[in-house]
Amino acid sequence: MARRGRVQLRRIEDKASRQVRFSKRRAGLFKKAFELALLCDAEVALLVFSPAGKLYEYSSSSIEGTYDRYQQFAGSRRDLNEGASTNNDENAGIQSRLREITSWSVQNNADESDANQLEKLEKLLTNALRDTKSKKMLAKQNGEGSRSGTNSSGSRGQEEGSA
């Protein structure tokens, strides 16, 4: 029986072959995620977006619950390891989201995009705008709080607790 050769990791140029490979690899990835959750009693959440923008998801429990748990973990870990100011972290988040939007717009020409792709861009922009507005309001509140003698870390703790 012939052995399979090692797969060379580079982009597959043929669109049909690329789609077949994506489907097979995606199925294998989801199978591994299921096995990890079942065998090791791990909480697993997996999101995959196809090249066409279609969402595929797997979660051993609620995907929202797992994401909320991740956010809490990432927030507490950041608090422990935090050396930079909160504003730098918030700016990095905004910059990261802007890079994501820029990347999307470069990859998907808006003139040639279908409704689903444009809806995805709209969601990215809406979320970025909402986050920017909330950070602006928090910055204003923190500025007023520091003038009235209140500690700005108190409002930050409330922000994380309510998120």
Protein backbone atom coordinates (compact mmCIF):
# COMPACT_ATOMS: atom_id res chain seq x y z
CA MET A 1 0.00 0.00 0.00
CA ALA A 2 1.42 3.36 -1.01
CA ARG A 3 2.05 5.93 1.70
CA ARG A 4 0.74 9.40 1.35
CA GLY A 5 3.34 12.05 0.81
CA ARG A 6 3.73 15.04 3.05
CA VAL A 7 1.41 17.86 2.03
CA GLN A 8 3.25 20.92 0.86
CA LEU A 9 1.81 23.91 2.71
CA ARG A 10 1.06 26.52 0.11
CA ARG A 11 -2.07 28.00 -1.37
CA ILE A 12 -3.95 25.68 -3.72
CA GLU A 13 -4.42 27.56 -6.98
CA ASP A 14 -7.25 25.46 -8.47
CA LYS A 15 -10.49 26.77 -6.97
CA ALA A 16 -12.34 23.45 -7.07
CA SER A 17 -9.44 21.57 -5.47
CA ARG A 18 -9.11 24.29 -2.85
CA GLN A 19 -12.82 23.99 -1.96
CA VAL A 20 -12.60 20.19 -1.70
CA ARG A 21 -9.50 20.43 0.49
CA PHE A 22 -11.20 23.07 2.67
CA SER A 23 -14.26 20.87 3.17
CA LYS A 24 -12.21 17.79 4.06
CA ARG A 25 -9.88 19.66 6.40
CA ARG A 26 -12.78 21.47 8.04
CA ALA A 27 -14.52 18.15 8.67
CA GLY A 28 -11.31 16.73 10.17
CA LEU A 29 -10.85 19.77 12.38
CA PHE A 30 -14.41 19.56 13.67
CA LYS A 31 -14.00 15.83 14.31
CA LYS A 32 -10.85 16.51 16.37
CA ALA A 33 -12.65 19.25 18.33
CA PHE A 34 -15.50 16.83 19.10
CA GLU A 35 -13.07 14.10 20.16
CA LEU A 36 -11.13 16.48 22.42
CA ALA A 37 -14.35 17.57 24.12
CA LEU A 38 -15.63 14.02 24.53
CA LEU A 39 -12.44 12.23 25.55
CA CYS A 40 -10.94 14.90 27.79
CA ASP A 41 -14.11 16.57 29.08
CA ALA A 42 -12.81 19.86 27.67
CA GLU A 43 -14.96 22.85 26.81
CA VAL A 44 -14.32 23.47 23.11
CA ALA A 45 -15.60 26.19 20.79
CA LEU A 46 -14.54 26.42 17.17
CA LEU A 47 -15.44 29.02 14.53
CA VAL A 48 -14.41 28.69 10.90
CA PHE A 49 -15.20 31.11 8.10
CA SER A 50 -15.00 29.71 4.59
CA PRO A 51 -13.29 31.71 1.84
CA ALA A 52 -16.81 32.66 0.73
CA GLY A 53 -17.57 34.03 4.19
CA LYS A 54 -19.87 31.21 5.35
CA LEU A 55 -19.72 30.51 9.10
CA TYR A 56 -19.18 26.98 10.43
CA GLU A 57 -19.23 26.50 14.18
CA TYR A 58 -18.88 23.78 16.77
CA SER A 59 -19.19 24.02 20.52
CA SER A 60 -19.24 21.32 23.17
CA SER A 61 -21.55 23.63 25.16
CA SER A 62 -22.94 27.08 24.45
CA ILE A 63 -20.64 29.01 22.11
CA GLU A 64 -21.73 32.27 23.75
CA GLY A 65 -21.01 30.84 27.21
CA THR A 66 -17.59 29.65 26.12
CA TYR A 67 -16.81 33.04 24.58
CA ASP A 68 -17.93 34.84 27.74
CA ARG A 69 -15.71 32.52 29.77
CA TYR A 70 -12.80 33.28 27.44
CA GLN A 71 -13.40 37.02 27.78
CA GLN A 72 -13.36 36.74 31.58
CA PHE A 73 -10.19 34.66 31.50
CA ALA A 74 -8.44 36.98 29.05
CA GLY A 75 -9.48 40.02 31.10
CA SER A 76 -8.24 38.59 34.39
CA ARG A 77 -5.01 37.40 32.81
CA ARG A 78 -4.48 40.85 31.32
CA ASP A 79 -5.04 42.43 34.75
CA LEU A 80 -2.36 40.18 36.26
CA ASN A 81 0.17 40.74 33.50
CA GLU A 82 -0.75 44.33 32.71
CA GLY A 83 2.27 46.61 32.49
CA ALA A 84 0.85 49.17 30.08
CA SER A 85 -2.01 51.52 30.72
CA THR A 86 -5.63 50.64 29.95
CA ASN A 87 -5.74 53.25 27.20
CA ASN A 88 -2.94 51.47 25.33
CA ASP A 89 -4.88 48.18 25.52
CA GLU A 90 -8.07 49.86 24.31
CA ASN A 91 -6.22 51.58 21.47
CA ALA A 92 -4.62 48.27 20.48
CA GLY A 93 -8.08 46.68 20.37
CA ILE A 94 -9.43 49.43 18.16
CA GLN A 95 -6.37 49.27 15.91
CA SER A 96 -6.74 45.51 15.68
CA ARG A 97 -10.38 45.84 14.63
CA LEU A 98 -9.47 48.52 12.07
CA ARG A 99 -6.77 46.22 10.64
CA GLU A 100 -9.41 43.48 10.39
CA ILE A 101 -11.76 45.80 8.51
CA THR A 102 -8.94 46.98 6.24
CA SER A 103 -7.90 43.40 5.54
CA TRP A 104 -11.47 42.47 4.72
CA SER A 105 -11.91 45.40 2.35
CA VAL A 106 -8.65 44.61 0.55
CA GLN A 107 -9.64 40.96 0.12
CA ASN A 108 -13.22 41.70 -0.91
CA ASN A 109 -13.74 44.45 -3.43
CA ALA A 110 -16.95 46.19 -2.31
CA ASP A 111 -18.08 46.68 -5.92
CA GLU A 112 -17.92 42.91 -6.52
CA SER A 113 -19.20 41.80 -3.10
CA ASP A 114 -22.47 39.99 -2.56
CA ALA A 115 -25.02 40.92 0.10
CA ASN A 116 -23.55 38.49 2.68
CA GLN A 117 -20.06 39.95 2.36
CA LEU A 118 -21.37 43.49 2.63
CA GLU A 119 -23.45 42.51 5.66
CA LYS A 120 -20.32 41.09 7.29
CA LEU A 121 -18.48 44.37 6.66
CA GLU A 122 -21.43 46.32 8.05
CA LYS A 123 -21.33 44.23 11.27
CA LEU A 124 -17.58 44.82 11.64
CA LEU A 125 -18.02 48.56 11.20
CA THR A 126 -21.05 48.71 13.51
CA ASN A 127 -19.21 46.82 16.25
CA ALA A 128 -16.12 48.99 15.87
CA LEU A 129 -18.24 52.15 16.07
CA ARG A 130 -20.13 50.88 19.14
CA ASP A 131 -16.87 49.98 20.91
CA THR A 132 -15.34 53.35 20.04
CA LYS A 133 -18.37 55.21 21.39
CA SER A 134 -18.38 53.22 24.63
CA LYS A 135 -14.64 53.79 25.13
CA LYS A 136 -15.17 57.50 24.48
CA MET A 137 -17.92 57.63 27.12
CA LEU A 138 -15.74 55.73 29.60
CA ALA A 139 -12.86 58.10 28.94
CA LYS A 140 -15.14 61.07 29.61
CA GLN A 141 -16.44 59.45 32.80
CA ASN A 142 -12.91 58.63 33.96
CA GLY A 143 -11.85 62.21 33.28
CA GLU A 144 -14.76 63.56 35.34
CA GLY A 145 -14.16 60.94 38.05
CA SER A 146 -10.50 61.84 38.48
CA ARG A 147 -11.43 65.54 38.84
CA SER A 148 -13.97 64.73 41.55
CA GLY A 149 -11.43 62.58 43.41
CA THR A 150 -12.83 59.17 42.45
CA ASN A 151 -10.45 56.37 41.52
CA SER A 152 -10.61 55.51 37.82
CA SER A 153 -9.82 51.84 38.51
CA GLY A 154 -13.23 51.52 40.20
CA SER A 155 -15.10 52.26 36.99
CA ARG A 156 -12.81 49.90 35.08
CA GLY A 157 -13.65 47.06 37.45
CA GLN A 158 -17.35 47.76 36.95
CA GLU A 159 -16.85 47.67 33.19
CA GLU A 160 -15.29 44.21 33.32
CA GLY A 161 -17.87 42.92 35.75
CA SER A 162 -20.78 44.01 33.55
CA ALA A 163 -19.25 42.78 30.28
